PDB file of N, CA and C in Angstrom:
ATOM      1  N   UNK A   1     -41.578 -50.565 -26.786  1.00  0.00           N
ATOM      2  CA  UNK A   1     -41.110 -49.192 -26.954  1.00  0.00           C
ATOM      3  C   UNK A   1     -41.476 -48.719 -28.363  1.00  0.00           C
ATOM      4  N   UNK A   2     -42.095 -47.536 -28.488  1.00  0.00           N
ATOM      5  CA  UNK A   2     -42.505 -47.047 -29.809  1.00  0.00           C
ATOM      6  C   UNK A   2     -41.293 -46.731 -30.687  1.00  0.00           C
ATOM      7  N   UNK A   3     -41.506 -46.941 -31.957  1.00  0.00           N
ATOM      8  CA  UNK A   3     -40.467 -46.651 -32.934  1.00  0.00           C
ATOM      9  C   UNK A   3     -40.244 -45.141 -32.989  1.00  0.00           C
ATOM     10  N   UNK A   4     -38.988 -44.714 -32.957  1.00  0.00           N
ATOM     11  CA  UNK A   4     -38.648 -43.284 -32.970  1.00  0.00           C
ATOM     12  C   UNK A   4     -39.180 -42.624 -34.237  1.00  0.00           C
ATOM     13  N   UNK A   5     -39.058 -43.282 -35.369  1.00  0.00           N
ATOM     14  CA  UNK A   5     -39.522 -42.700 -36.628  1.00  0.00           C
ATOM     15  C   UNK A   5     -41.039 -42.512 -36.627  1.00  0.00           C
ATOM     16  N   UNK A   6     -41.756 -43.473 -36.060  1.00  0.00           N
ATOM     17  CA  UNK A   6     -43.212 -43.340 -35.967  1.00  0.00           C
ATOM     18  C   UNK A   6     -43.582 -42.146 -35.090  1.00  0.00           C
ATOM     19  N   UNK A   7     -42.861 -41.984 -34.003  1.00  0.00           N
ATOM     20  CA  UNK A   7     -43.120 -40.857 -33.112  1.00  0.00           C
ATOM     21  C   UNK A   7     -42.797 -39.526 -33.798  1.00  0.00           C
ATOM     22  N   UNK A   8     -41.713 -39.502 -34.568  1.00  0.00           N
ATOM     23  CA  UNK A   8     -41.341 -38.282 -35.290  1.00  0.00           C
ATOM     24  C   UNK A   8     -42.408 -37.931 -36.329  1.00  0.00           C
ATOM     25  N   UNK A   9     -42.910 -38.908 -37.034  1.00  0.00           N
ATOM     26  CA  UNK A   9     -43.961 -38.665 -38.029  1.00  0.00           C
ATOM     27  C   UNK A   9     -45.253 -38.211 -37.348  1.00  0.00           C
ATOM     28  N   UNK A  10     -45.530 -38.779 -36.200  1.00  0.00           N
ATOM     29  CA  UNK A  10     -46.724 -38.379 -35.452  1.00  0.00           C
ATOM     30  C   UNK A  10     -46.607 -36.918 -35.013  1.00  0.00           C
ATOM     31  N   UNK A  11     -45.435 -36.534 -34.546  1.00  0.00           N
ATOM     32  CA  UNK A  11     -45.199 -35.140 -34.143  1.00  0.00           C
ATOM     33  C   UNK A  11     -45.311 -34.203 -35.340  1.00  0.00           C
ATOM     34  N   UNK A  12     -44.710 -34.573 -36.471  1.00  0.00           N
ATOM     35  CA  UNK A  12     -44.779 -33.750 -37.676  1.00  0.00           C
ATOM     36  C   UNK A  12     -46.223 -33.564 -38.117  1.00  0.00           C
ATOM     37  N   UNK A  13     -46.998 -34.617 -38.062  1.00  0.00           N
ATOM     38  CA  UNK A  13     -48.414 -34.549 -38.438  1.00  0.00           C
ATOM     39  C   UNK A  13     -49.171 -33.613 -37.495  1.00  0.00           C
ATOM     40  N   UNK A  14     -48.886 -33.711 -36.216  1.00  0.00           N
ATOM     41  CA  UNK A  14     -49.540 -32.847 -35.227  1.00  0.00           C
ATOM     42  C   UNK A  14     -49.184 -31.387 -35.461  1.00  0.00           C
ATOM     43  N   UNK A  15     -47.941 -31.129 -35.805  1.00  0.00           N
ATOM     44  CA  UNK A  15     -47.529 -29.752 -36.089  1.00  0.00           C
ATOM     45  C   UNK A  15     -48.232 -29.219 -37.335  1.00  0.00           C
ATOM     46  N   UNK A  16     -48.280 -30.038 -38.390  1.00  0.00           N
ATOM     47  CA  UNK A  16     -48.950 -29.616 -39.628  1.00  0.00           C
ATOM     48  C   UNK A  16     -50.435 -29.357 -39.405  1.00  0.00           C
ATOM     49  N   UNK A  17     -51.039 -30.088 -38.514  1.00  0.00           N
ATOM     50  CA  UNK A  17     -52.468 -29.953 -38.255  1.00  0.00           C
ATOM     51  C   UNK A  17     -52.797 -28.854 -37.244  1.00  0.00           C
ATOM     52  N   UNK A  18     -51.783 -28.243 -36.655  1.00  0.00           N
ATOM     53  CA  UNK A  18     -52.031 -27.233 -35.622  1.00  0.00           C
ATOM     54  C   UNK A  18     -52.586 -25.946 -36.238  1.00  0.00           C
ATOM     55  N   UNK A  19     -53.373 -25.251 -35.449  1.00  0.00           N
ATOM     56  CA  UNK A  19     -53.964 -23.984 -35.888  1.00  0.00           C
ATOM     57  C   UNK A  19     -52.877 -22.951 -36.179  1.00  0.00           C
ATOM     58  N   UNK A  20     -51.829 -22.936 -35.384  1.00  0.00           N
ATOM     59  CA  UNK A  20     -50.738 -21.982 -35.577  1.00  0.00           C
ATOM     60  C   UNK A  20     -50.062 -22.177 -36.928  1.00  0.00           C
ATOM     61  N   UNK A  21     -49.823 -23.434 -37.278  1.00  0.00           N
ATOM     62  CA  UNK A  21     -49.158 -23.711 -38.553  1.00  0.00           C
ATOM     63  C   UNK A  21     -50.065 -23.347 -39.725  1.00  0.00           C
ATOM     64  N   UNK A  22     -51.348 -23.656 -39.602  1.00  0.00           N
ATOM     65  CA  UNK A  22     -52.290 -23.310 -40.677  1.00  0.00           C
ATOM     66  C   UNK A  22     -52.371 -21.795 -40.849  1.00  0.00           C
ATOM     67  N   UNK A  23     -52.356 -21.052 -39.747  1.00  0.00           N
ATOM     68  CA  UNK A  23     -52.371 -19.588 -39.825  1.00  0.00           C
ATOM     69  C   UNK A  23     -51.082 -19.076 -40.470  1.00  0.00           C
ATOM     70  N   UNK A  24     -49.953 -19.685 -40.112  1.00  0.00           N
ATOM     71  CA  UNK A  24     -48.671 -19.318 -40.715  1.00  0.00           C
ATOM     72  C   UNK A  24     -48.696 -19.533 -42.217  1.00  0.00           C
ATOM     73  N   UNK A  25     -49.185 -20.691 -42.649  1.00  0.00           N
ATOM     74  CA  UNK A  25     -49.234 -21.003 -44.083  1.00  0.00           C
ATOM     75  C   UNK A  25     -50.158 -20.041 -44.824  1.00  0.00           C
ATOM     76  N   UNK A  26     -51.297 -19.682 -44.222  1.00  0.00           N
ATOM     77  CA  UNK A  26     -52.224 -18.752 -44.856  1.00  0.00           C
ATOM     78  C   UNK A  26     -51.576 -17.382 -45.013  1.00  0.00           C
ATOM     79  N   UNK A  27     -50.866 -16.943 -43.993  1.00  0.00           N
ATOM     80  CA  UNK A  27     -50.171 -15.656 -44.063  1.00  0.00           C
ATOM     81  C   UNK A  27     -49.069 -15.710 -45.101  1.00  0.00           C
ATOM     82  N   UNK A  28     -48.370 -16.807 -45.161  1.00  0.00           N
ATOM     83  CA  UNK A  28     -47.298 -16.976 -46.145  1.00  0.00           C
ATOM     84  C   UNK A  28     -47.857 -16.884 -47.564  1.00  0.00           C
ATOM     85  N   UNK A  29     -48.996 -17.466 -47.808  1.00  0.00           N
ATOM     86  CA  UNK A  29     -49.622 -17.400 -49.129  1.00  0.00           C
ATOM     87  C   UNK A  29     -50.030 -15.974 -49.476  1.00  0.00           C
ATOM     88  N   UNK A  30     -50.541 -15.221 -48.503  1.00  0.00           N
ATOM     89  CA  UNK A  30     -50.902 -13.826 -48.744  1.00  0.00           C
ATOM     90  C   UNK A  30     -49.679 -13.020 -49.155  1.00  0.00           C
ATOM     91  N   UNK A  31     -48.568 -13.268 -48.472  1.00  0.00           N
ATOM     92  CA  UNK A  31     -47.328 -12.552 -48.782  1.00  0.00           C
ATOM     93  C   UNK A  31     -46.867 -12.907 -50.190  1.00  0.00           C
ATOM     94  N   UNK A  32     -46.931 -14.167 -50.535  1.00  0.00           N
ATOM     95  CA  UNK A  32     -46.485 -14.600 -51.861  1.00  0.00           C
ATOM     96  C   UNK A  32     -47.348 -14.029 -52.972  1.00  0.00           C
ATOM     97  N   UNK A  33     -48.613 -13.756 -52.682  1.00  0.00           N
ATOM     98  CA  UNK A  33     -49.519 -13.230 -53.690  1.00  0.00           C
ATOM     99  C   UNK A  33     -49.273 -11.758 -54.007  1.00  0.00           C
ATOM    100  N   UNK A  34     -48.576 -11.042 -53.133  1.00  0.00           N
ATOM    101  CA  UNK A  34     -48.319  -9.614 -53.315  1.00  0.00           C
ATOM    102  C   UNK A  34     -46.885  -9.418 -53.798  1.00  0.00           C
ATOM    103  N   UNK A  35     -46.731  -8.906 -55.009  1.00  0.00           N
ATOM    104  CA  UNK A  35     -45.401  -8.771 -55.605  1.00  0.00           C
ATOM    105  C   UNK A  35     -44.495  -7.838 -54.814  1.00  0.00           C
ATOM    106  N   UNK A  36     -45.038  -6.754 -54.266  1.00  0.00           N
ATOM    107  CA  UNK A  36     -44.194  -5.829 -53.499  1.00  0.00           C
ATOM    108  C   UNK A  36     -43.671  -6.514 -52.236  1.00  0.00           C
ATOM    109  N   UNK A  37     -44.494  -7.349 -51.606  1.00  0.00           N
ATOM    110  CA  UNK A  37     -44.024  -8.112 -50.444  1.00  0.00           C
ATOM    111  C   UNK A  37     -42.930  -9.095 -50.837  1.00  0.00           C
ATOM    112  N   UNK A  38     -43.118  -9.767 -51.958  1.00  0.00           N
ATOM    113  CA  UNK A  38     -42.096 -10.721 -52.430  1.00  0.00           C
ATOM    114  C   UNK A  38     -40.771 -10.005 -52.668  1.00  0.00           C
ATOM    115  N   UNK A  39     -40.846  -8.803 -53.271  1.00  0.00           N
ATOM    116  CA  UNK A  39     -39.618  -8.048 -53.543  1.00  0.00           C
ATOM    117  C   UNK A  39     -38.927  -7.622 -52.253  1.00  0.00           C
ATOM    118  N   UNK A  40     -39.709  -7.187 -51.266  1.00  0.00           N
ATOM    119  CA  UNK A  40     -39.118  -6.800 -49.978  1.00  0.00           C
ATOM    120  C   UNK A  40     -38.425  -7.982 -49.311  1.00  0.00           C
ATOM    121  N   UNK A  41     -39.054  -9.129 -49.351  1.00  0.00           N
ATOM    122  CA  UNK A  41     -38.455 -10.324 -48.754  1.00  0.00           C
ATOM    123  C   UNK A  41     -37.190 -10.717 -49.503  1.00  0.00           C
ATOM    124  N   UNK A  42     -37.224 -10.610 -50.820  1.00  0.00           N
ATOM    125  CA  UNK A  42     -36.045 -10.932 -51.623  1.00  0.00           C
ATOM    126  C   UNK A  42     -34.888  -9.994 -51.268  1.00  0.00           C
ATOM    127  N   UNK A  43     -35.165  -8.690 -51.161  1.00  0.00           N
ATOM    128  CA  UNK A  43     -34.130  -7.720 -50.803  1.00  0.00           C
ATOM    129  C   UNK A  43     -33.571  -8.007 -49.412  1.00  0.00           C
ATOM    130  N   UNK A  44     -34.463  -8.342 -48.488  1.00  0.00           N
ATOM    131  CA  UNK A  44     -34.035  -8.655 -47.126  1.00  0.00           C
ATOM    132  C   UNK A  44     -33.088  -9.854 -47.120  1.00  0.00           C
ATOM    133  N   UNK A  45     -33.462 -10.893 -47.829  1.00  0.00           N
ATOM    134  CA  UNK A  45     -32.624 -12.103 -47.862  1.00  0.00           C
ATOM    135  C   UNK A  45     -31.280 -11.841 -48.522  1.00  0.00           C
ATOM    136  N   UNK A  46     -31.272 -11.024 -49.582  1.00  0.00           N
ATOM    137  CA  UNK A  46     -30.010 -10.691 -50.242  1.00  0.00           C
ATOM    138  C   UNK A  46     -29.095  -9.923 -49.295  1.00  0.00           C
ATOM    139  N   UNK A  47     -29.663  -8.957 -48.566  1.00  0.00           N
ATOM    140  CA  UNK A  47     -28.874  -8.183 -47.608  1.00  0.00           C
ATOM    141  C   UNK A  47     -28.363  -9.082 -46.489  1.00  0.00           C
ATOM    142  N   UNK A  48     -29.215  -9.980 -46.036  1.00  0.00           N
ATOM    143  CA  UNK A  48     -28.838 -10.914 -44.980  1.00  0.00           C
ATOM    144  C   UNK A  48     -27.654 -11.784 -45.432  1.00  0.00           C
ATOM    145  N   UNK A  49     -27.715 -12.276 -46.662  1.00  0.00           N
ATOM    146  CA  UNK A  49     -26.626 -13.106 -47.187  1.00  0.00           C
ATOM    147  C   UNK A  49     -25.343 -12.284 -47.351  1.00  0.00           C
ATOM    148  N   UNK A  50     -25.494 -11.047 -47.792  1.00  0.00           N
ATOM    149  CA  UNK A  50     -24.332 -10.166 -47.952  1.00  0.00           C
ATOM    150  C   UNK A  50     -23.637  -9.939 -46.612  1.00  0.00           C
ATOM    151  N   UNK A  51     -24.408  -9.650 -45.574  1.00  0.00           N
ATOM    152  CA  UNK A  51     -23.831  -9.417 -44.252  1.00  0.00           C
ATOM    153  C   UNK A  51     -23.219 -10.687 -43.682  1.00  0.00           C
ATOM    154  N   UNK A  52     -23.864 -11.800 -43.912  1.00  0.00           N
ATOM    155  CA  UNK A  52     -23.318 -13.076 -43.442  1.00  0.00           C
ATOM    156  C   UNK A  52     -21.989 -13.373 -44.130  1.00  0.00           C
ATOM    157  N   UNK A  53     -21.910 -13.091 -45.411  1.00  0.00           N
ATOM    158  CA  UNK A  53     -20.660 -13.310 -46.150  1.00  0.00           C
ATOM    159  C   UNK A  53     -19.548 -12.435 -45.575  1.00  0.00           C
ATOM    160  N   UNK A  54     -19.888 -11.188 -45.231  1.00  0.00           N
ATOM    161  CA  UNK A  54     -18.892 -10.301 -44.629  1.00  0.00           C
ATOM    162  C   UNK A  54     -18.375 -10.891 -43.323  1.00  0.00           C
ATOM    163  N   UNK A  55     -19.287 -11.408 -42.516  1.00  0.00           N
ATOM    164  CA  UNK A  55     -18.879 -11.998 -41.245  1.00  0.00           C
ATOM    165  C   UNK A  55     -17.991 -13.217 -41.461  1.00  0.00           C
ATOM    166  N   UNK A  56     -18.338 -14.035 -42.436  1.00  0.00           N
ATOM    167  CA  UNK A  56     -17.542 -15.229 -42.707  1.00  0.00           C
ATOM    168  C   UNK A  56     -16.144 -14.884 -43.202  1.00  0.00           C
ATOM    169  N   UNK A  57     -16.016 -13.727 -43.858  1.00  0.00           N
ATOM    170  CA  UNK A  57     -14.710 -13.281 -44.332  1.00  0.00           C
ATOM    171  C   UNK A  57     -13.916 -12.590 -43.238  1.00  0.00           C
ATOM    172  N   UNK A  58     -14.491 -12.513 -42.054  1.00  0.00           N
ATOM    173  CA  UNK A  58     -13.784 -11.936 -40.923  1.00  0.00           C
ATOM    174  C   UNK A  58     -13.930 -10.433 -40.804  1.00  0.00           C
ATOM    175  N   UNK A  59     -14.781  -9.840 -41.626  1.00  0.00           N
ATOM    176  CA  UNK A  59     -14.976  -8.395 -41.555  1.00  0.00           C
ATOM    177  C   UNK A  59     -15.906  -8.054 -40.395  1.00  0.00           C
ATOM    178  N   UNK A  60     -15.671  -6.908 -39.812  1.00  0.00           N
ATOM    179  CA  UNK A  60     -16.523  -6.428 -38.738  1.00  0.00           C
ATOM    180  C   UNK A  60     -17.676  -5.647 -39.337  1.00  0.00           C
ATOM    181  N   UNK A  61     -18.871  -5.932 -38.873  1.00  0.00           N
ATOM    182  CA  UNK A  61     -20.035  -5.213 -39.366  1.00  0.00           C
ATOM    183  C   UNK A  61     -20.085  -3.831 -38.731  1.00  0.00           C
ATOM    184  N   UNK A  62     -20.337  -2.830 -39.562  1.00  0.00           N
ATOM    185  CA  UNK A  62     -20.394  -1.457 -39.088  1.00  0.00           C
ATOM    186  C   UNK A  62     -21.799  -1.113 -38.625  1.00  0.00           C
ATOM    187  N   UNK A  63     -21.957   0.048 -38.031  1.00  0.00           N
ATOM    188  CA  UNK A  63     -23.280   0.509 -37.631  1.00  0.00           C
ATOM    189  C   UNK A  63     -24.177   0.648 -38.853  1.00  0.00           C
ATOM    190  N   UNK A  64     -23.600   1.104 -39.962  1.00  0.00           N
ATOM    191  CA  UNK A  64     -24.377   1.230 -41.201  1.00  0.00           C
ATOM    192  C   UNK A  64     -24.903  -0.138 -41.660  1.00  0.00           C
ATOM    193  N   UNK A  65     -24.075  -1.155 -41.508  1.00  0.00           N
ATOM    194  CA  UNK A  65     -24.509  -2.511 -41.870  1.00  0.00           C
ATOM    195  C   UNK A  65     -25.706  -2.936 -41.018  1.00  0.00           C
ATOM    196  N   UNK A  66     -25.665  -2.598 -39.760  1.00  0.00           N
ATOM    197  CA  UNK A  66     -26.751  -2.982 -38.852  1.00  0.00           C
ATOM    198  C   UNK A  66     -28.027  -2.192 -39.131  1.00  0.00           C
ATOM    199  N   UNK A  67     -27.885  -0.978 -39.627  1.00  0.00           N
ATOM    200  CA  UNK A  67     -29.058  -0.145 -39.900  1.00  0.00           C
ATOM    201  C   UNK A  67     -29.689  -0.444 -41.237  1.00  0.00           C
ATOM    202  N   UNK A  68     -28.927  -0.971 -42.168  1.00  0.00           N
ATOM    203  CA  UNK A  68     -29.435  -1.202 -43.527  1.00  0.00           C
ATOM    204  C   UNK A  68     -30.435  -2.309 -43.593  1.00  0.00           C
TER     205      UNK A  68
END
Protein backbone atom coordinates (compact mmCIF):
# COMPACT_ATOMS: atom_id res chain seq x y z
CA UNK A 1 0.00 0.00 0.00
CA UNK A 2 1.48 3.40 -0.98
CA UNK A 3 2.45 5.80 1.74
CA UNK A 4 -0.22 8.50 2.20
CA UNK A 5 2.41 11.24 2.49
CA UNK A 6 4.07 10.14 -0.75
CA UNK A 7 0.71 10.23 -2.49
CA UNK A 8 -0.03 13.69 -1.07
CA UNK A 9 3.32 15.01 -2.30
CA UNK A 10 2.71 13.45 -5.69
CA UNK A 11 -0.67 15.18 -5.91
CA UNK A 12 0.81 18.52 -4.81
CA UNK A 13 3.52 18.21 -7.46
CA UNK A 14 0.92 17.42 -10.12
CA UNK A 15 -1.13 20.45 -9.12
CA UNK A 16 1.93 22.74 -9.20
CA UNK A 17 2.85 21.43 -12.64
CA UNK A 18 -0.65 21.86 -14.08
CA UNK A 19 -1.30 24.43 -16.79
CA UNK A 20 -4.14 25.94 -14.75
CA UNK A 21 -1.91 26.58 -11.76
CA UNK A 22 0.84 28.09 -13.91
CA UNK A 23 -1.72 30.40 -15.54
CA UNK A 24 -3.03 31.36 -12.09
CA UNK A 25 0.48 32.19 -10.86
CA UNK A 26 1.23 34.26 -13.98
CA UNK A 27 -1.98 36.24 -13.51
CA UNK A 28 -1.20 36.69 -9.83
CA UNK A 29 2.20 38.15 -10.70
CA UNK A 30 0.62 40.59 -13.17
CA UNK A 31 -1.76 41.78 -10.46
CA UNK A 32 1.07 42.20 -7.97
CA UNK A 33 3.05 44.27 -10.47
CA UNK A 34 0.26 46.87 -10.78
CA UNK A 35 -0.02 49.13 -7.73
CA UNK A 36 -3.64 50.11 -8.39
CA UNK A 37 -4.60 46.41 -8.51
CA UNK A 38 -2.74 45.77 -5.25
CA UNK A 39 -4.61 48.66 -3.61
CA UNK A 40 -7.99 47.37 -4.82
CA UNK A 41 -7.24 43.92 -3.46
CA UNK A 42 -6.09 45.40 -0.16
CA UNK A 43 -9.31 47.44 0.15
CA UNK A 44 -11.39 44.38 -0.71
CA UNK A 45 -9.70 42.27 1.95
CA UNK A 46 -10.07 45.01 4.57
CA UNK A 47 -13.79 45.31 3.81
CA UNK A 48 -14.15 41.54 3.88
CA UNK A 49 -12.50 41.37 7.32
CA UNK A 50 -14.66 44.24 8.58
CA UNK A 51 -17.86 42.48 7.50
CA UNK A 52 -16.69 39.17 8.92
CA UNK A 53 -15.97 40.85 12.26
CA UNK A 54 -19.49 42.29 12.26
CA UNK A 55 -20.92 38.83 11.69
CA UNK A 56 -18.80 37.34 14.46
CA UNK A 57 -20.09 40.02 16.84
CA UNK A 58 -23.62 38.93 16.02
CA UNK A 59 -24.53 41.99 13.99
CA UNK A 60 -26.79 41.63 11.00
CA UNK A 61 -25.33 42.79 7.73
CA UNK A 62 -27.38 45.48 6.04
CA UNK A 63 -28.07 45.92 2.34
CA UNK A 64 -25.47 48.70 2.36
CA UNK A 65 -22.92 46.24 3.74
CA UNK A 66 -23.67 43.84 0.91
CA UNK A 67 -23.38 46.57 -1.72
CA UNK A 68 -20.12 48.05 -0.45
